[in-house]
């Protein structure tokens, strides 16, 4: 590989390639987002050029902005194909201070997003490689782009024992804890307690925690234990060109791994049976309270449920075909009401016909279905999903779906 690359020729010929790395929800069957990662292609040999060499040459010849513009354009081109199949997916774009300074007086980012019809709220800016001396530039950038809908993320938290100050100064929507960098540090105590500390603060403030650099099953276990809601790394998939089928295959392959159940604090069998019995009785009571509801006015019933039963985190209603006919109502007493769209909250007309909450009722001709415990994306608590047949004011069957905080339910129903 040549130490010197013709950066001017690369930019002129747009000789870069953008790969996508999936950001996944381990407890749900959807890709939260995709981080755009760019590498150069040598115009003469066709060999791959590391990003570090590419940007080093751009800096040397004063072409950082031009290279960044090209990388942004290529990221949108690649993401546009994904967005067509998954309109809730987020595009993560890395951005350094020099390009933020340019964007403070330029509309290039907005114009490019508009060109490819990507909503601003589907774009996350991964902020990295800046210091306190450049905070004025960063502050102006965040104020400008957050106002119109872009999300802000702090990338690579845990690197070299810093970035904690940035969490306070920026108040990001998302934080990425980089386990690859964290594992390189000598201090075992730092590696052990920093993710727990950061995740705890983030959940209290309504931030999203992404565990990045997950390369092994052990990394994944630790990330789940310390409170990460989403994960990213080679353990899930390498950066690559991703079709809709390939994304589905990654998700399916991950969810088939047997270790998922070990992340939950399972109790003894008799305790589980007791909880299930109480859930069945509780849902019978809820059915009595909500039966006869009017489509379009179910919110009044749900708000009453939240008021009386604080362990209920959110509710929604499906029709007999598995299509969501109500909004997804959230008990905001249990959640810092921020960034709801990131959590992929279900909306009207969403299809649940292949989901467990629907399939188990229909296929098994059951009256109620109770899922295995899972991490709530809203609160990071361990929850149980419950679905049960109810009837509307015309006597038509519908399915009521609730997510219930398991530990709070057990405590309040003792």
Protein backbone atom coordinates (compact mmCIF):
# COMPACT_ATOMS: atom_id res chain seq x y z
CA UNK A 1 0.00 0.00 0.00
CA UNK A 2 1.37 3.41 -0.95
CA UNK A 3 2.00 5.86 1.89
CA UNK A 4 1.00 8.71 -0.41
CA UNK A 5 -2.34 8.67 -2.18
CA UNK A 6 -3.61 11.11 -4.78
CA UNK A 7 -6.29 12.60 -2.58
CA UNK A 8 -7.17 15.19 -5.24
CA UNK A 9 -7.74 12.44 -7.81
CA UNK A 10 -9.79 10.40 -5.33
CA UNK A 11 -12.07 13.35 -4.62
CA UNK A 12 -12.33 14.30 -8.27
CA UNK A 13 -13.31 10.76 -9.31
CA UNK A 14 -15.39 10.15 -6.14
CA UNK A 15 -13.23 7.11 -5.56
CA UNK A 16 -14.56 6.21 -2.13
CA UNK A 17 -16.83 3.43 -0.94
CA UNK A 18 -19.32 3.62 1.90
CA UNK A 19 -20.16 0.55 3.96
CA UNK A 20 -22.90 0.27 6.55
CA UNK A 21 -22.67 -1.32 9.99
CA UNK A 22 -25.95 -2.26 11.61
CA UNK A 23 -27.05 -0.89 15.00
CA UNK A 24 -29.40 -3.51 16.42
CA UNK A 25 -31.94 -3.84 19.20
CA UNK A 26 -31.11 -7.21 20.81
CA UNK A 27 -34.59 -7.57 22.30
CA UNK A 28 -36.67 -6.60 19.29
CA UNK A 29 -36.59 -7.74 15.68
CA UNK A 30 -35.56 -4.48 14.05
CA UNK A 31 -32.44 -2.57 13.01
CA UNK A 32 -32.36 0.75 14.83
CA UNK A 33 -29.89 2.30 12.47
CA UNK A 34 -26.77 2.08 10.34
CA UNK A 35 -23.41 3.79 10.77
CA UNK A 36 -21.81 4.96 7.53
CA UNK A 37 -18.13 3.99 7.31
CA UNK A 38 -16.05 5.24 4.38
CA UNK A 39 -12.85 3.89 2.84
CA UNK A 40 -10.93 5.05 -0.18
CA UNK A 41 -10.32 3.13 -3.39
CA UNK A 42 -6.91 3.63 -5.05
CA UNK A 43 -7.65 4.90 -8.59
CA UNK A 44 -4.59 3.09 -9.99
CA UNK A 45 -4.69 -0.30 -8.25
CA UNK A 46 -8.26 -0.58 -6.98
CA UNK A 47 -6.90 -1.40 -3.53
CA UNK A 48 -8.73 -0.29 -0.40
CA UNK A 49 -7.33 2.73 1.46
CA UNK A 50 -7.78 3.01 5.21
CA UNK A 51 -9.86 6.00 6.37
CA UNK A 52 -6.96 7.19 8.56
CA UNK A 53 -4.66 7.47 5.53
CA UNK A 54 -7.40 9.07 3.46
CA UNK A 55 -8.14 11.82 5.97
CA UNK A 56 -4.48 12.31 6.82
CA UNK A 57 -3.77 13.15 3.18
CA UNK A 58 -6.84 15.37 2.97
CA UNK A 59 -5.63 17.32 6.01
CA UNK A 60 -2.11 17.58 4.58
CA UNK A 61 -3.36 19.18 1.36
CA UNK A 62 -6.18 21.25 2.82
CA UNK A 63 -8.96 19.12 1.34
CA UNK A 64 -10.74 17.97 4.50
CA UNK A 65 -13.99 19.75 3.69
CA UNK A 66 -14.09 18.41 0.13
CA UNK A 67 -13.46 14.86 1.33
CA UNK A 68 -16.09 15.19 4.06
CA UNK A 69 -18.65 16.44 1.55
CA UNK A 70 -17.95 13.43 -0.65
CA UNK A 71 -18.30 11.04 2.31
CA UNK A 72 -21.61 12.62 3.31
CA UNK A 73 -22.94 12.30 -0.23
CA UNK A 74 -21.90 8.65 -0.49
CA UNK A 75 -23.48 7.90 2.91
CA UNK A 76 -26.83 9.27 1.77
CA UNK A 77 -26.65 7.33 -1.50
CA UNK A 78 -26.07 4.07 0.39
CA UNK A 79 -28.65 4.79 3.10
CA UNK A 80 -31.37 5.77 0.62
CA UNK A 81 -31.73 2.12 -0.44
CA UNK A 82 -32.14 1.04 3.19
CA UNK A 83 -34.59 3.84 3.99
CA UNK A 84 -36.96 2.67 1.25
CA UNK A 85 -37.48 -0.60 3.14
CA UNK A 86 -37.20 0.77 6.70
CA UNK A 87 -38.50 4.31 7.12
CA UNK A 88 -37.78 4.30 10.88
CA UNK A 89 -34.06 3.49 10.50
CA UNK A 90 -31.46 6.05 11.56
CA UNK A 91 -28.36 7.02 9.59
CA UNK A 92 -25.32 7.60 11.82
CA UNK A 93 -22.74 9.97 10.29
CA UNK A 94 -19.35 10.64 11.88
CA UNK A 95 -18.39 14.29 11.98
CA UNK A 96 -15.27 16.09 13.16
CA UNK A 97 -14.90 19.69 14.27
CA UNK A 98 -13.38 21.03 11.03
CA UNK A 99 -16.42 19.96 9.01
CA UNK A 100 -18.82 21.21 11.69
CA UNK A 101 -17.24 24.63 11.33
CA UNK A 102 -17.91 24.53 7.59
CA UNK A 103 -21.51 23.40 8.11
CA UNK A 104 -22.14 26.26 10.54
CA UNK A 105 -22.22 28.60 7.54
CA UNK A 106 -23.20 26.12 4.83
CA UNK A 107 -26.45 24.24 4.14
CA UNK A 108 -24.70 21.32 2.43
CA UNK A 109 -25.93 18.73 4.95
CA UNK A 110 -29.55 19.89 4.76
CA UNK A 111 -29.48 20.17 0.98
CA UNK A 112 -28.03 16.67 0.61
CA UNK A 113 -30.62 15.18 2.95
CA UNK A 114 -33.35 16.92 0.93
CA UNK A 115 -31.84 15.67 -2.33
CA UNK A 116 -32.19 12.06 -1.20
CA UNK A 117 -35.51 12.64 0.62
CA UNK A 118 -34.14 11.54 4.01
CA UNK A 119 -36.00 13.25 6.91
CA UNK A 120 -33.73 15.15 9.29
CA UNK A 121 -35.08 13.16 12.24
CA UNK A 122 -33.65 10.00 10.63
CA UNK A 123 -30.12 11.39 10.82
CA UNK A 124 -27.77 11.10 13.81
CA UNK A 125 -24.55 13.09 13.94
CA UNK A 126 -21.79 11.15 15.72
CA UNK A 127 -19.70 13.89 17.32
CA UNK A 128 -16.05 12.94 17.82
CA UNK A 129 -12.48 14.24 17.89
CA UNK A 130 -13.14 17.63 19.42
CA UNK A 131 -11.94 19.27 22.62
CA UNK A 132 -13.03 22.01 24.98
CA UNK A 133 -11.18 24.63 22.90
CA UNK A 134 -13.49 23.90 19.96
CA UNK A 135 -16.71 23.92 21.98
CA UNK A 136 -17.85 27.24 20.49
CA UNK A 137 -17.91 25.66 17.03
CA UNK A 138 -19.64 22.56 18.36
CA UNK A 139 -22.24 24.60 20.28
CA UNK A 140 -23.18 26.59 17.17
CA UNK A 141 -23.42 23.40 15.11
CA UNK A 142 -25.62 21.58 17.65
CA UNK A 143 -27.95 24.56 18.08
CA UNK A 144 -28.40 24.91 14.31
CA UNK A 145 -29.02 21.27 13.42
CA UNK A 146 -30.80 20.01 16.52
CA UNK A 147 -33.37 22.78 16.04
CA UNK A 148 -34.44 21.36 12.67
CA UNK A 149 -34.58 17.75 13.80
CA UNK A 150 -31.13 16.14 13.62
CA UNK A 151 -30.12 13.92 16.55
CA UNK A 152 -26.77 14.30 18.32
CA UNK A 153 -24.62 11.44 19.53
CA UNK A 154 -21.32 11.37 21.41
CA UNK A 155 -19.14 8.73 19.79
CA UNK A 156 -16.48 6.54 21.44
CA UNK A 157 -17.18 7.34 25.07
CA UNK A 158 -14.57 5.55 27.18
CA UNK A 159 -11.59 6.42 25.01
CA UNK A 160 -8.49 7.49 26.95
CA UNK A 161 -10.42 8.18 30.17
CA UNK A 162 -12.23 11.24 28.82
CA UNK A 163 -15.49 12.32 27.22
CA UNK A 164 -17.38 12.51 30.53
CA UNK A 165 -17.22 16.31 30.31
CA UNK A 166 -18.81 16.15 26.85
CA UNK A 167 -21.79 14.28 28.22
CA UNK A 168 -22.63 17.26 30.44
CA UNK A 169 -21.75 20.00 27.96
CA UNK A 170 -23.58 18.57 24.94
CA UNK A 171 -26.51 16.75 26.57
CA UNK A 172 -26.66 14.33 23.60
CA UNK A 173 -29.63 12.30 22.44
CA UNK A 174 -27.49 9.16 22.12
CA UNK A 175 -24.21 8.03 23.67
CA UNK A 176 -21.99 5.33 22.19
CA UNK A 177 -19.83 3.41 24.65
CA UNK A 178 -16.97 1.86 22.69
CA UNK A 179 -16.15 -1.51 24.22
CA UNK A 180 -13.28 -2.08 21.80
CA UNK A 181 -11.51 0.98 23.19
CA UNK A 182 -12.66 0.28 26.73
CA UNK A 183 -11.10 -3.19 26.69
CA UNK A 184 -7.71 -1.70 25.78
CA UNK A 185 -7.49 0.30 29.00
CA UNK A 186 -5.41 -1.05 31.86
CA UNK A 187 -7.79 -0.19 34.71
CA UNK A 188 -10.15 -3.07 35.38
CA UNK A 189 -12.25 -0.88 37.68
CA UNK A 190 -12.64 1.72 34.95
CA UNK A 191 -13.72 -0.91 32.42
CA UNK A 192 -16.15 -2.40 34.91
CA UNK A 193 -17.87 0.62 36.38
CA UNK A 194 -17.80 3.32 33.67
CA UNK A 195 -20.47 1.69 31.45
CA UNK A 196 -22.79 1.21 34.43
CA UNK A 197 -22.28 4.80 35.54
CA UNK A 198 -22.83 6.26 32.07
CA UNK A 199 -25.85 4.08 31.34
CA UNK A 200 -27.47 5.04 34.63
CA UNK A 201 -27.07 8.76 33.91
CA UNK A 202 -28.25 8.32 30.32
CA UNK A 203 -31.43 6.45 31.29
CA UNK A 204 -32.33 9.07 33.88
CA UNK A 205 -31.95 11.81 31.24
CA UNK A 206 -33.81 9.93 28.50
CA UNK A 207 -30.70 9.32 26.40
CA UNK A 208 -30.19 6.20 24.31
CA UNK A 209 -27.18 3.97 25.05
CA UNK A 210 -25.46 2.17 22.17
CA UNK A 211 -22.75 -0.36 22.98
CA UNK A 212 -20.26 -0.02 20.12
CA UNK A 213 -17.27 -2.22 19.29
CA UNK A 214 -18.99 -5.42 20.41
CA UNK A 215 -16.73 -8.17 19.07
CA UNK A 216 -17.36 -11.15 21.34
CA UNK A 217 -20.15 -12.87 23.25
CA UNK A 218 -18.54 -11.62 26.47
CA UNK A 219 -18.66 -8.02 25.22
CA UNK A 220 -22.31 -8.49 24.44
CA UNK A 221 -23.10 -9.96 27.87
CA UNK A 222 -21.36 -7.08 29.63
CA UNK A 223 -23.13 -4.50 27.47
CA UNK A 224 -26.53 -5.95 28.32
CA UNK A 225 -25.73 -6.17 32.02
CA UNK A 226 -24.61 -2.55 32.18
CA UNK A 227 -27.72 -1.16 30.51
CA UNK A 228 -27.08 -0.75 26.77
CA UNK A 229 -30.29 -0.63 24.74
CA UNK A 230 -28.70 -1.10 21.32
CA UNK A 231 -25.52 -2.82 20.13
CA UNK A 232 -23.09 -2.44 17.24
CA UNK A 233 -19.95 -4.34 16.24
CA UNK A 234 -18.37 -7.29 14.46
CA UNK A 235 -20.20 -9.71 16.78
CA UNK A 236 -23.37 -8.74 14.92
CA UNK A 237 -21.98 -7.96 11.48
CA UNK A 238 -19.03 -6.45 9.70
CA UNK A 239 -19.45 -3.20 7.76
CA UNK A 240 -20.70 -4.07 4.28
CA UNK A 241 -23.11 -3.22 1.51
CA UNK A 242 -26.50 -4.21 2.92
CA UNK A 243 -29.62 -5.22 1.02
CA UNK A 244 -33.00 -5.61 2.74
CA UNK A 245 -32.60 -9.41 2.66
CA UNK A 246 -29.12 -9.22 4.18
CA UNK A 247 -30.40 -7.00 7.00
CA UNK A 248 -33.19 -9.48 7.74
CA UNK A 249 -30.67 -12.34 7.73
CA UNK A 250 -28.42 -10.55 10.25
CA UNK A 251 -31.35 -9.94 12.59
CA UNK A 252 -32.66 -13.49 12.25
CA UNK A 253 -29.22 -15.01 12.79
CA UNK A 254 -28.62 -12.94 15.89
CA UNK A 255 -31.96 -13.71 17.48
CA UNK A 256 -31.45 -17.45 16.97
CA UNK A 257 -28.44 -17.47 19.27
CA UNK A 258 -29.24 -19.39 22.41
CA UNK A 259 -27.59 -17.09 24.94
CA UNK A 260 -30.31 -14.40 24.83
CA UNK A 261 -32.22 -15.79 27.82
CA UNK A 262 -29.22 -15.65 30.15
CA UNK A 263 -29.36 -11.86 30.40
CA UNK A 264 -32.54 -11.93 32.42
CA UNK A 265 -32.74 -12.37 36.16
CA UNK A 266 -34.89 -15.49 36.18
CA UNK A 267 -36.37 -16.60 39.49
CA UNK A 268 -37.28 -20.06 40.69
CA UNK A 269 -39.96 -21.97 38.81
CA UNK A 270 -42.59 -21.63 41.52
CA UNK A 271 -42.08 -17.85 41.60
CA UNK A 272 -42.54 -17.66 37.83
CA UNK A 273 -45.74 -19.69 38.00
CA UNK A 274 -47.05 -17.38 40.73
CA UNK A 275 -46.29 -14.30 38.61
CA UNK A 276 -48.02 -15.81 35.57
CA UNK A 277 -51.12 -16.57 37.61
CA UNK A 278 -51.23 -13.00 38.89
CA UNK A 279 -50.79 -11.63 35.36
CA UNK A 280 -53.73 -13.70 34.14
CA UNK A 281 -55.94 -12.40 36.95
CA UNK A 282 -54.76 -8.85 36.28
CA UNK A 283 -55.58 -9.08 32.57
CA UNK A 284 -59.04 -10.47 33.36
CA UNK A 285 -59.60 -7.37 35.49
CA UNK A 286 -58.31 -5.05 32.74
CA UNK A 287 -60.62 -6.72 30.22
CA UNK A 288 -63.60 -5.91 32.41
CA UNK A 289 -62.49 -2.29 32.60
CA UNK A 290 -61.81 -1.76 28.88
CA UNK A 291 -64.47 -3.98 27.21
CA UNK A 292 -66.93 -1.84 25.29
CA UNK A 293 -64.36 0.78 24.34
CA UNK A 294 -64.90 3.01 21.30
CA UNK A 295 -62.32 2.96 18.50
CA UNK A 296 -60.58 6.33 18.48
CA UNK A 297 -61.40 7.05 22.13
CA UNK A 298 -59.40 4.28 23.80
CA UNK A 299 -56.94 6.84 25.16
CA UNK A 300 -59.24 7.61 28.09
CA UNK A 301 -59.16 3.94 29.10
CA UNK A 302 -55.38 3.79 28.81
CA UNK A 303 -54.76 6.92 30.86
CA UNK A 304 -56.91 5.42 33.61
CA UNK A 305 -54.90 2.19 33.45
CA UNK A 306 -51.65 4.17 33.82
CA UNK A 307 -53.07 6.07 36.76
CA UNK A 308 -54.20 2.97 38.64
CA UNK A 309 -51.41 0.57 37.61
CA UNK A 310 -48.04 2.30 37.41
CA UNK A 311 -46.29 -0.94 36.47
CA UNK A 312 -47.90 -0.74 33.00
CA UNK A 313 -45.35 0.98 30.72
CA UNK A 314 -47.29 1.21 27.44
CA UNK A 315 -50.42 -0.09 25.66
CA UNK A 316 -51.86 -0.45 22.18
CA UNK A 317 -54.68 -2.28 20.37
CA UNK A 318 -54.63 -4.62 17.34
CA UNK A 319 -57.51 -5.66 15.13
CA UNK A 320 -58.30 -9.32 14.34
CA UNK A 321 -55.81 -9.22 11.44
CA UNK A 322 -52.93 -8.05 13.62
CA UNK A 323 -52.93 -4.42 12.43
CA UNK A 324 -52.48 -1.73 15.05
CA UNK A 325 -55.62 0.41 15.25
CA UNK A 326 -54.70 2.67 18.18
CA UNK A 327 -51.79 4.88 19.04
CA UNK A 328 -49.15 3.40 21.32
CA UNK A 329 -49.83 5.08 24.65
CA UNK A 330 -46.91 5.53 27.04
CA UNK A 331 -46.94 5.86 30.79
CA UNK A 332 -44.73 8.94 30.98
CA UNK A 333 -44.42 8.69 34.75
CA UNK A 334 -41.96 5.85 34.12
CA UNK A 335 -39.99 7.48 31.34
CA UNK A 336 -38.11 10.70 30.65
CA UNK A 337 -40.27 11.77 27.67
CA UNK A 338 -37.51 12.41 25.17
CA UNK A 339 -36.54 10.96 21.79
CA UNK A 340 -39.56 8.69 21.48
CA UNK A 341 -38.98 8.19 17.76
CA UNK A 342 -35.59 6.59 18.42
CA UNK A 343 -37.29 3.85 20.41
CA UNK A 344 -39.30 2.78 17.35
CA UNK A 345 -42.59 3.07 19.25
CA UNK A 346 -45.32 1.29 17.29
CA UNK A 347 -47.80 3.45 15.42
CA UNK A 348 -51.23 3.08 13.85
CA UNK A 349 -51.37 0.67 10.90
CA UNK A 350 -48.21 -1.17 11.97
CA UNK A 351 -48.43 -4.87 11.10
CA UNK A 352 -48.11 -7.25 14.06
CA UNK A 353 -49.40 -10.30 12.17
CA UNK A 354 -46.04 -12.08 12.48
CA UNK A 355 -45.33 -11.01 16.06
CA UNK A 356 -45.60 -13.31 19.04
CA UNK A 357 -48.20 -11.17 20.80
CA UNK A 358 -50.59 -11.77 17.90
CA UNK A 359 -49.56 -15.13 16.45
CA UNK A 360 -49.71 -17.00 19.75
CA UNK A 361 -53.28 -15.90 20.36
CA UNK A 362 -54.54 -16.66 16.85
CA UNK A 363 -52.65 -19.85 16.09
CA UNK A 364 -53.16 -21.44 19.48
CA UNK A 365 -56.71 -20.20 19.97
CA UNK A 366 -55.74 -18.78 23.37
CA UNK A 367 -57.41 -16.00 25.32
CA UNK A 368 -54.16 -14.54 26.64
CA UNK A 369 -50.47 -14.68 25.77
CA UNK A 370 -47.53 -13.75 28.02
CA UNK A 371 -44.04 -13.29 26.55
CA UNK A 372 -40.65 -14.05 28.02
CA UNK A 373 -39.04 -11.15 29.92
CA UNK A 374 -37.24 -8.54 27.82
CA UNK A 375 -35.50 -5.20 28.28
CA UNK A 376 -37.81 -2.23 27.75
CA UNK A 377 -36.40 0.23 25.24
CA UNK A 378 -38.22 3.02 27.06
CA UNK A 379 -36.91 2.49 30.58
CA UNK A 380 -34.38 -0.36 30.32
CA UNK A 381 -36.40 -2.22 32.93
CA UNK A 382 -37.14 -5.93 32.58
CA UNK A 383 -40.67 -6.16 31.20
CA UNK A 384 -43.22 -8.78 30.19
CA UNK A 385 -45.48 -8.40 27.17
CA UNK A 386 -49.10 -9.45 27.58
CA UNK A 387 -51.87 -9.66 24.98
CA UNK A 388 -55.53 -10.53 25.48
CA UNK A 389 -58.75 -10.51 23.50
CA UNK A 390 -61.17 -7.67 24.27
CA UNK A 391 -64.37 -6.38 22.61
CA UNK A 392 -65.29 -2.93 21.35
CA UNK A 393 -68.66 -1.18 21.72
CA UNK A 394 -70.06 -3.21 18.79
CA UNK A 395 -68.92 -6.54 20.24
CA UNK A 396 -66.12 -6.91 17.68
CA UNK A 397 -62.94 -8.72 18.84
CA UNK A 398 -59.67 -6.83 19.24
CA UNK A 399 -56.38 -7.60 20.96
CA UNK A 400 -55.10 -5.48 23.83
CA UNK A 401 -51.28 -5.40 24.19
CA UNK A 402 -49.49 -4.21 27.32
CA UNK A 403 -45.85 -4.07 28.42
CA UNK A 404 -45.54 -4.53 32.17
CA UNK A 405 -42.57 -3.76 34.43
CA UNK A 406 -41.93 -7.19 35.93
CA UNK A 407 -40.30 -6.24 39.24
CA UNK A 408 -42.79 -3.44 39.94
CA UNK A 409 -45.71 -5.74 39.10
CA UNK A 410 -44.43 -8.40 41.48
CA UNK A 411 -43.97 -5.82 44.24
CA UNK A 412 -47.34 -4.10 43.86
CA UNK A 413 -49.29 -7.33 43.40
CA UNK A 414 -47.86 -9.08 46.48
